[in-house]
Protein backbone atom coordinates (compact mmCIF):
# COMPACT_ATOMS: atom_id res chain seq x y z
CA MET A 1 6.71 4.88 23.56
CA SER A 2 7.95 5.72 20.16
CA SER A 3 11.17 7.82 19.63
CA PRO A 4 10.98 11.47 18.31
CA ARG A 5 12.73 10.11 15.24
CA THR A 6 10.03 7.63 14.50
CA ARG A 7 7.38 10.17 14.75
CA SER A 8 9.23 12.83 12.50
CA TRP A 9 9.68 9.89 9.93
CA VAL A 10 5.76 9.10 10.02
CA PHE A 11 4.87 12.90 9.77
CA VAL A 12 7.30 14.03 7.04
CA VAL A 13 8.06 11.01 5.12
CA LYS A 14 4.67 9.40 5.23
CA LYS A 15 3.14 12.82 4.88
CA GLY A 16 0.87 12.99 8.06
CA TYR A 17 0.10 16.56 7.01
CA GLN A 18 -1.93 15.48 4.10
CA ASP A 19 -5.58 14.34 3.40
CA THR A 20 -5.57 11.15 1.24
CA ASP A 21 -7.82 9.72 -1.61
CA THR A 22 -7.47 5.89 -2.10
CA SER A 23 -10.96 5.65 -4.08
CA LEU A 24 -9.22 5.71 -7.48
CA GLN A 25 -11.22 5.64 -10.60
CA SER A 26 -9.72 4.11 -13.64
CA SER A 27 -10.00 3.03 -17.21
CA ILE A 28 -7.79 0.98 -19.54
CA ILE A 29 -7.38 0.99 -23.30
CA THR A 30 -5.18 -1.37 -24.72
CA LYS A 31 -3.43 -1.89 -28.28
CA VAL A 32 -1.31 -4.47 -29.67
CA LYS A 33 0.74 -4.07 -33.01
CA GLY A 34 2.96 -6.39 -35.05
CA VAL A 35 2.54 -9.11 -37.97
CA ILE A 36 4.09 -12.41 -38.56
CA PHE A 37 4.21 -14.57 -41.58
CA THR A 38 3.75 -18.49 -41.28
CA ASN A 39 3.65 -21.27 -43.82
CA THR A 40 1.87 -24.61 -42.73
CA SER A 41 0.21 -27.55 -44.17
CA GLU A 42 -3.14 -26.82 -42.30
CA LEU A 43 -3.26 -23.06 -43.00
CA GLY A 44 -0.86 -22.71 -45.99
CA GLU A 45 0.83 -19.34 -46.24
CA ARG A 46 -0.58 -16.79 -44.08
CA LEU A 47 -0.06 -13.39 -42.77
CA TRP A 48 -1.09 -12.81 -39.18
CA ASP A 49 -2.06 -9.16 -37.93
CA VAL A 50 -3.53 -7.82 -34.98
CA ALA A 51 -7.18 -8.79 -35.84
CA ASP A 52 -5.97 -12.55 -36.07
CA TYR A 53 -3.94 -13.08 -32.85
CA VAL A 54 -5.56 -10.70 -30.24
CA ILE A 55 -8.82 -11.38 -28.44
CA PRO A 56 -10.91 -9.29 -27.69
CA PRO A 57 -10.02 -7.17 -30.59
CA GLN A 58 -11.38 -3.76 -28.95
CA GLY A 59 -8.66 -3.85 -26.04
CA GLU A 60 -9.38 -3.94 -22.34
CA ASN A 61 -8.04 -4.61 -18.80
CA VAL A 62 -7.74 -8.25 -19.92
CA PHE A 63 -6.63 -9.43 -23.23
CA PHE A 64 -5.08 -12.48 -24.89
CA ILE A 65 -2.37 -12.80 -27.47
CA ILE A 66 -2.26 -16.19 -29.50
CA THR A 67 1.23 -17.67 -29.63
CA ASN A 68 0.67 -21.28 -30.75
CA LEU A 69 -2.16 -23.19 -32.36
CA ILE A 70 -3.63 -26.82 -33.21
CA VAL A 71 -5.77 -26.15 -36.41
CA THR A 72 -8.39 -28.66 -37.48
CA PRO A 73 -9.64 -27.46 -40.89
CA ASN A 74 -12.88 -28.37 -42.89
CA GLN A 75 -14.91 -29.81 -40.28
CA ARG A 76 -18.56 -30.54 -41.03
CA GLN A 77 -21.29 -31.96 -39.10
CA GLU A 78 -21.41 -35.56 -40.04
CA THR A 79 -20.68 -38.72 -38.42
CA CYS A 80 -17.21 -40.09 -37.73
CA ALA A 81 -15.19 -42.37 -35.15
CA GLU A 82 -14.67 -40.58 -31.70
CA SER A 83 -11.09 -39.91 -30.63
CA ALA A 84 -9.42 -43.15 -29.08
CA SER A 85 -7.88 -40.94 -26.62
CA ILE A 86 -11.00 -40.33 -24.83
CA PRO A 87 -11.75 -43.37 -22.30
CA ASP A 88 -15.61 -42.89 -22.45
CA ALA A 89 -15.52 -43.66 -26.20
CA VAL A 90 -13.82 -46.92 -26.06
CA CYS A 91 -16.03 -49.95 -27.10
CA LEU A 92 -16.33 -53.71 -27.70
CA GLU A 93 -19.42 -53.93 -29.37
CA ASP A 94 -22.60 -51.93 -30.47
CA GLN A 95 -24.22 -52.03 -27.17
CA GLY A 96 -21.41 -50.06 -25.64
CA CYS A 97 -22.64 -47.08 -27.61
CA PRO A 98 -26.25 -46.17 -26.72
CA PRO A 99 -27.54 -43.94 -29.34
CA GLY A 100 -28.28 -40.32 -28.59
CA LYS A 101 -25.83 -40.36 -25.61
CA PRO A 102 -22.92 -37.91 -25.43
CA VAL A 103 -19.40 -38.92 -24.85
CA VAL A 104 -18.26 -37.62 -21.55
CA THR A 105 -15.38 -35.01 -22.48
CA GLY A 106 -15.89 -36.04 -25.89
CA ASN A 107 -16.81 -34.35 -29.25
CA GLY A 108 -20.42 -35.46 -30.11
CA VAL A 109 -23.45 -37.75 -29.61
CA ARG A 110 -23.08 -41.58 -30.08
CA THR A 111 -25.00 -43.09 -33.02
CA GLY A 112 -25.19 -46.61 -31.68
CA ARG A 113 -22.31 -48.10 -33.59
CA CYS A 114 -18.84 -49.52 -32.32
CA LEU A 115 -16.28 -48.82 -35.01
CA ARG A 116 -13.29 -51.45 -34.95
CA GLY A 117 -10.24 -51.59 -36.88
CA GLU A 118 -9.09 -54.58 -38.59
CA ASN A 119 -7.47 -57.26 -35.86
CA LYS A 120 -8.37 -54.75 -33.06
CA GLN A 121 -10.31 -56.05 -30.15
CA ASN A 122 -11.32 -52.43 -28.79
CA GLY A 123 -13.03 -49.82 -30.93
CA THR A 124 -14.54 -46.27 -30.49
CA CYS A 125 -18.19 -45.14 -30.78
CA GLU A 126 -19.43 -43.50 -33.76
CA ILE A 127 -20.48 -40.07 -32.99
CA PHE A 128 -22.43 -37.27 -34.80
CA ALA A 129 -20.20 -34.08 -34.61
CA TRP A 130 -17.83 -31.65 -36.36
CA CYS A 131 -15.79 -34.14 -38.24
CA PRO A 132 -12.96 -34.90 -38.38
CA VAL A 133 -12.46 -34.56 -34.61
CA GLU A 134 -9.44 -32.67 -33.27
CA THR A 135 -6.55 -35.16 -33.11
CA GLY A 136 -3.46 -32.91 -33.61
CA SER A 137 -0.72 -32.61 -30.83
CA ARG A 138 0.49 -29.05 -29.61
CA PRO A 139 3.55 -27.94 -31.93
CA GLU A 140 6.67 -27.72 -29.78
CA VAL A 141 8.02 -24.82 -31.73
CA PRO A 142 5.41 -22.03 -31.42
CA LEU A 143 3.40 -21.16 -34.47
CA LEU A 144 3.63 -17.38 -33.64
CA GLY A 145 7.08 -17.57 -31.99
CA LYS A 146 8.11 -14.39 -33.44
CA ALA A 147 5.55 -12.46 -31.45
CA GLU A 148 8.14 -11.45 -29.11
CA ASP A 149 8.75 -8.39 -30.95
CA PHE A 150 5.17 -7.22 -30.89
CA THR A 151 4.36 -4.24 -28.83
CA ILE A 152 1.44 -3.41 -26.27
CA TYR A 153 0.22 0.23 -25.82
CA ILE A 154 -1.53 0.75 -22.58
CA LYS A 155 -3.41 3.69 -22.10
CA ASN A 156 -4.58 4.41 -18.41
CA PHE A 157 -7.06 7.22 -17.29
CA ILE A 158 -7.27 7.83 -13.69
CA HIS A 159 -9.50 10.27 -11.46
CA PHE A 160 -9.15 11.16 -7.68
CA PRO A 161 -12.83 12.23 -7.22
CA LYS A 162 -11.92 13.79 -3.62
CA PHE A 163 -9.59 16.17 -5.21
CA ASN A 164 -11.04 16.42 -8.74
CA PHE A 165 -7.66 15.34 -10.17
CA SER A 166 -7.37 13.51 -13.35
CA LYS A 167 -4.25 12.27 -15.09
CA THR A 168 -3.06 9.82 -17.78
CA ASN A 169 -0.04 7.76 -18.19
CA VAL A 170 0.84 9.13 -21.67
CA LEU A 171 3.23 11.73 -21.49
CA ASP A 172 1.84 15.29 -22.32
CA THR A 173 3.70 16.20 -25.46
CA LYS A 174 2.87 17.90 -28.81
CA ASP A 175 5.52 15.85 -30.52
CA ASN A 176 3.24 13.52 -32.66
CA ALA A 177 6.14 11.02 -33.50
CA TYR A 178 6.68 10.43 -29.83
CA LEU A 179 4.55 7.57 -29.45
CA LYS A 180 5.57 5.83 -32.64
CA SER A 181 9.47 5.74 -31.67
CA CYS A 182 9.43 5.36 -27.78
CA GLN A 183 9.64 2.21 -25.96
CA PHE A 184 9.36 1.77 -22.30
CA GLY A 185 12.46 1.29 -20.56
CA PRO A 186 15.27 3.14 -18.29
CA LYS A 187 15.69 5.80 -21.15
CA SER A 188 11.97 6.14 -21.58
CA PRO A 189 10.16 5.31 -18.08
CA TYR A 190 7.13 7.45 -19.01
CA CYS A 191 6.34 5.81 -22.59
CA PRO A 192 3.49 3.42 -22.31
CA ILE A 193 4.64 0.93 -25.30
CA PHE A 194 6.12 -2.24 -24.09
CA ARG A 195 7.79 -4.91 -26.11
CA LEU A 196 5.80 -8.30 -25.52
CA GLY A 197 9.21 -10.35 -25.04
CA THR A 198 10.56 -7.74 -22.81
CA VAL A 199 7.63 -8.05 -20.46
CA VAL A 200 7.68 -11.72 -20.27
CA SER A 201 11.58 -11.58 -19.36
CA TRP A 202 10.71 -9.13 -16.43
CA THR A 203 8.53 -11.89 -15.06
CA GLY A 204 11.41 -14.15 -14.92
CA SER A 205 10.14 -16.33 -17.75
CA ASP A 206 11.53 -17.32 -21.19
CA PHE A 207 9.30 -16.15 -23.93
CA GLN A 208 9.71 -19.22 -26.18
CA ASP A 209 8.96 -21.67 -23.46
CA MET A 210 5.81 -19.75 -22.29
CA ALA A 211 4.61 -19.33 -25.98
CA LYS A 212 4.47 -23.04 -26.44
CA GLN A 213 1.84 -23.83 -23.79
CA GLY A 214 0.75 -20.20 -22.73
CA GLY A 215 0.56 -18.44 -19.37
CA VAL A 216 -0.90 -15.57 -17.54
CA ILE A 217 1.02 -12.11 -16.73
CA GLY A 218 -0.35 -9.56 -14.54
CA ILE A 219 0.65 -5.92 -15.03
CA GLN A 220 0.27 -3.80 -12.05
CA ILE A 221 -0.05 0.15 -12.43
CA GLU A 222 0.55 1.90 -9.33
CA TRP A 223 -0.18 5.59 -8.93
CA ASP A 224 1.34 7.71 -5.69
CA CYS A 225 0.44 11.15 -6.24
CA ASP A 226 1.73 14.19 -4.20
CA LEU A 227 -0.83 16.88 -5.39
CA ASP A 228 1.07 19.57 -3.36
CA LYS A 229 3.80 19.19 -6.22
CA ASP A 230 3.37 19.93 -9.90
CA PRO A 231 0.84 17.75 -11.68
CA SER A 232 3.66 16.55 -14.04
CA GLU A 233 5.25 14.99 -11.14
CA CYS A 234 2.49 12.65 -10.68
CA ASN A 235 3.52 9.41 -12.84
CA PRO A 236 2.72 5.61 -12.42
CA ARG A 237 5.02 2.84 -11.80
CA TYR A 238 4.68 -0.46 -13.58
CA TYR A 239 5.14 -3.94 -11.95
CA PHE A 240 5.26 -7.33 -13.87
CA LYS A 241 4.33 -10.88 -12.49
CA ARG A 242 3.52 -14.15 -13.82
CA LEU A 243 0.45 -15.08 -12.19
CA ASP A 244 -0.27 -18.75 -13.49
CA ARG A 245 1.41 -21.57 -11.56
CA ARG A 246 4.44 -23.05 -13.21
CA PHE A 247 4.42 -27.00 -12.73
CA PRO A 248 7.57 -28.91 -13.37
CA GLY A 249 7.81 -30.84 -16.83
CA ASN A 250 4.99 -31.13 -19.23
CA SER A 251 2.18 -31.24 -16.73
CA VAL A 252 -1.47 -31.20 -17.49
CA SER A 253 -2.19 -27.90 -15.56
CA SER A 254 0.47 -25.84 -17.16
CA GLY A 255 -0.16 -23.17 -19.52
CA TYR A 256 -3.32 -21.57 -20.78
CA ASN A 257 -5.51 -22.46 -23.93
CA PHE A 258 -8.98 -22.17 -25.24
CA ARG A 259 -10.79 -23.13 -28.47
CA PHE A 260 -12.61 -20.94 -31.06
CA ALA A 261 -13.80 -21.71 -34.64
CA LYS A 262 -14.26 -19.63 -37.96
CA TYR A 263 -17.43 -20.52 -39.94
CA TYR A 264 -17.70 -20.71 -43.80
CA ARG A 265 -20.20 -22.14 -46.50
CA ASP A 266 -19.37 -23.94 -49.47
CA GLU A 267 -20.83 -23.56 -52.97
CA ALA A 268 -23.67 -25.67 -52.09
CA GLY A 269 -24.52 -23.66 -48.97
CA VAL A 270 -23.14 -26.43 -46.50
CA GLU A 271 -21.64 -24.88 -43.54
CA PHE A 272 -17.95 -25.92 -42.44
CA ARG A 273 -15.37 -24.59 -40.19
CA THR A 274 -11.77 -24.52 -39.26
CA LEU A 275 -11.40 -25.24 -35.48
CA MET A 276 -8.55 -23.76 -33.50
CA LYS A 277 -6.97 -24.80 -30.05
CA ALA A 278 -5.29 -21.51 -29.18
CA TYR A 279 -2.42 -21.22 -26.78
CA GLY A 280 -1.07 -17.93 -25.50
CA ILE A 281 -0.37 -15.24 -23.15
CA ARG A 282 -3.28 -13.69 -21.12
CA PHE A 283 -2.65 -10.02 -19.76
CA ASP A 284 -4.39 -8.74 -16.48
CA ILE A 285 -4.04 -5.22 -16.23
CA MET A 286 -4.72 -3.90 -12.31
CA VAL A 287 -4.65 -0.29 -11.26
CA ASN A 288 -4.15 0.84 -7.58
CA GLY A 289 -3.33 4.37 -6.49
CA ARG A 290 -3.49 7.09 -3.73
CA ALA A 291 -3.41 10.75 -3.85
CA GLY A 292 -2.41 13.25 -0.91
CA LYS A 293 -2.89 16.88 -0.55
CA PHE A 294 -2.19 19.35 2.43
CA ASN A 295 -5.13 19.74 4.80
CA ILE A 296 -5.08 21.57 8.16
CA ILE A 297 -7.07 19.03 9.89
CA PRO A 298 -4.93 16.11 9.69
CA THR A 299 -1.77 18.53 10.12
CA ILE A 300 -3.22 19.43 13.59
CA ILE A 301 -4.29 16.09 14.57
CA ASN A 302 -0.98 14.55 13.90
CA VAL A 303 0.95 17.81 15.30
CA ALA A 304 -1.17 17.32 18.61
CA SER A 305 -0.56 13.60 18.86
CA GLY A 306 3.20 14.18 18.30
CA VAL A 307 3.29 16.83 21.03
CA ALA A 308 1.40 14.47 23.50
CA LEU A 309 3.82 11.46 22.79
CA MET A 310 6.82 13.85 23.46
CA GLY A 311 5.77 14.32 26.85
CA VAL A 312 4.98 18.28 26.72
CA GLY A 313 1.36 18.02 26.21
CA SER A 314 0.59 18.01 29.96
CA PHE A 315 2.80 21.22 30.10
CA PHE A 316 0.94 23.30 27.50
CA CYS A 317 -2.30 22.24 29.04
CA ASP A 318 -1.05 23.78 32.57
CA LEU A 319 0.12 26.76 30.65
CA VAL A 320 -3.44 27.47 29.31
CA LEU A 321 -5.43 26.41 32.45
CA ILE A 322 -3.31 28.56 34.80
CA TYR A 323 -2.93 31.85 32.56
CA PHE A 324 -5.48 31.89 29.79
CA ILE A 325 -8.89 30.76 31.18
CA LYS A 326 -11.23 32.80 33.39
CA LYS A 327 -11.12 30.42 36.41
CA SER A 328 -7.30 30.08 36.22
CA HIS A 329 -7.09 30.87 39.93
CA PHE A 330 -9.18 27.94 40.86
CA TYR A 331 -7.15 25.55 38.99
CA ARG A 332 -3.75 27.32 40.50
CA LYS A 333 -5.19 26.47 43.82
CA LYS A 334 -5.63 22.95 43.06
CA LYS A 335 -2.57 22.69 41.20
CA TYR A 336 -0.07 24.12 44.10
CA GLU A 337 -0.23 24.04 47.47
CA GLU A 338 1.04 27.25 49.22
CA ALA A 339 3.63 26.95 51.89
CA ARG A 340 3.74 29.42 54.74
CA SER A 341 6.85 30.39 56.80
CA VAL A 342 6.98 29.89 60.65
CA THR A 343 8.75 31.87 63.22
CA LEU A 344 10.76 29.98 65.93
CA PRO A 345 11.30 31.37 69.31
CA ARG A 346 14.59 33.37 70.06
CA LYS A 347 15.44 31.54 73.24
CA TRP A 348 15.13 27.88 73.85
CA PRO A 349 12.73 26.98 76.35
CA GLU A 350 13.93 26.20 79.82
CA GLY A 351 13.74 22.76 80.91
CA SER A 352 13.53 21.16 77.47
CA PRO A 353 14.74 17.66 77.23
CA VAL A 354 16.61 18.60 73.83
CA GLU A 355 19.62 20.96 73.91
CA PRO A 356 19.39 23.99 71.80
CA PRO A 357 21.54 24.04 68.59
CA PRO A 358 24.84 25.64 68.79
CA ALA A 359 24.84 29.37 67.86
CA CYS A 360 26.48 30.22 64.37
CA PRO A 361 29.84 31.51 64.42
CA SER A 362 30.30 35.20 63.74
CA LEU A 363 31.69 36.02 60.61
CA SER A 364 33.18 39.32 61.61
């Protein structure tokens, strides 16, 4: 049987007197701010703003910030040699490049020719593709390494339908400058603006290392609202965790990346593009919560359960049955047996085999 201290803990600390709602309805809006200037041989001088490095731009509960790039500029649809790093593209002669057959994990469709350099035994199949194909390697110094100073604004709206209670994680203030100057931390625990580099450090990772090959970070927003108190005391708690598995060394399974392209047309109307292999940090924002409010029904149930466990339940049941119901006399007869006194003879019968008890001494 549980102890009285345990039962009190469940009722008071776990708020056994409240009705609860865990069917949280939630909406997330995110915004990222920050700019970076770069100067590379592929892109030249360039200023990166939020429209360049955040995908998708409208901001949802999942978004991606670019931190590193492999850029292949001026690709056009024409014929060229497939990359020698692709095993299925290696050939000895033209018969090894059947025309019209795609290269497995490659960049295009074979044309039927095997292209070999001088004094080389092996060659690679010629393909029709966006040429030249991607051949660059990932930069060891992240292109957008200064992105750690970017800020992430997370706006969360929640609603508990059972209690018709709504709240947002943005502090209710009339100061228009508050969101422009605050940043989440020990001094501003209710500010919804987070520094990117600080968020990465809270997961136990180094930003520059993560920026090279990318990764996935989960941001957990937890709401635990006691609606018996003022609504201003219902505020979220934030938790940060790296979700992708970190492999030792430079494992091919490490990081997070994908490709996208920007398309253009030259003066002759011929289409060309710049291909980008983007490495970066993906953020998954998850929201959980519960709300509790006093309700007489769970209060009665929990009090009754506690009383029964403390061993006094039967006492109160007997009290009601014996004194407060119409047929209490019937229950009283079944509950208790009546003991009647028996009168003994004054003289011990003569001839009894047992001697009579000695007389009590006189007190006078």
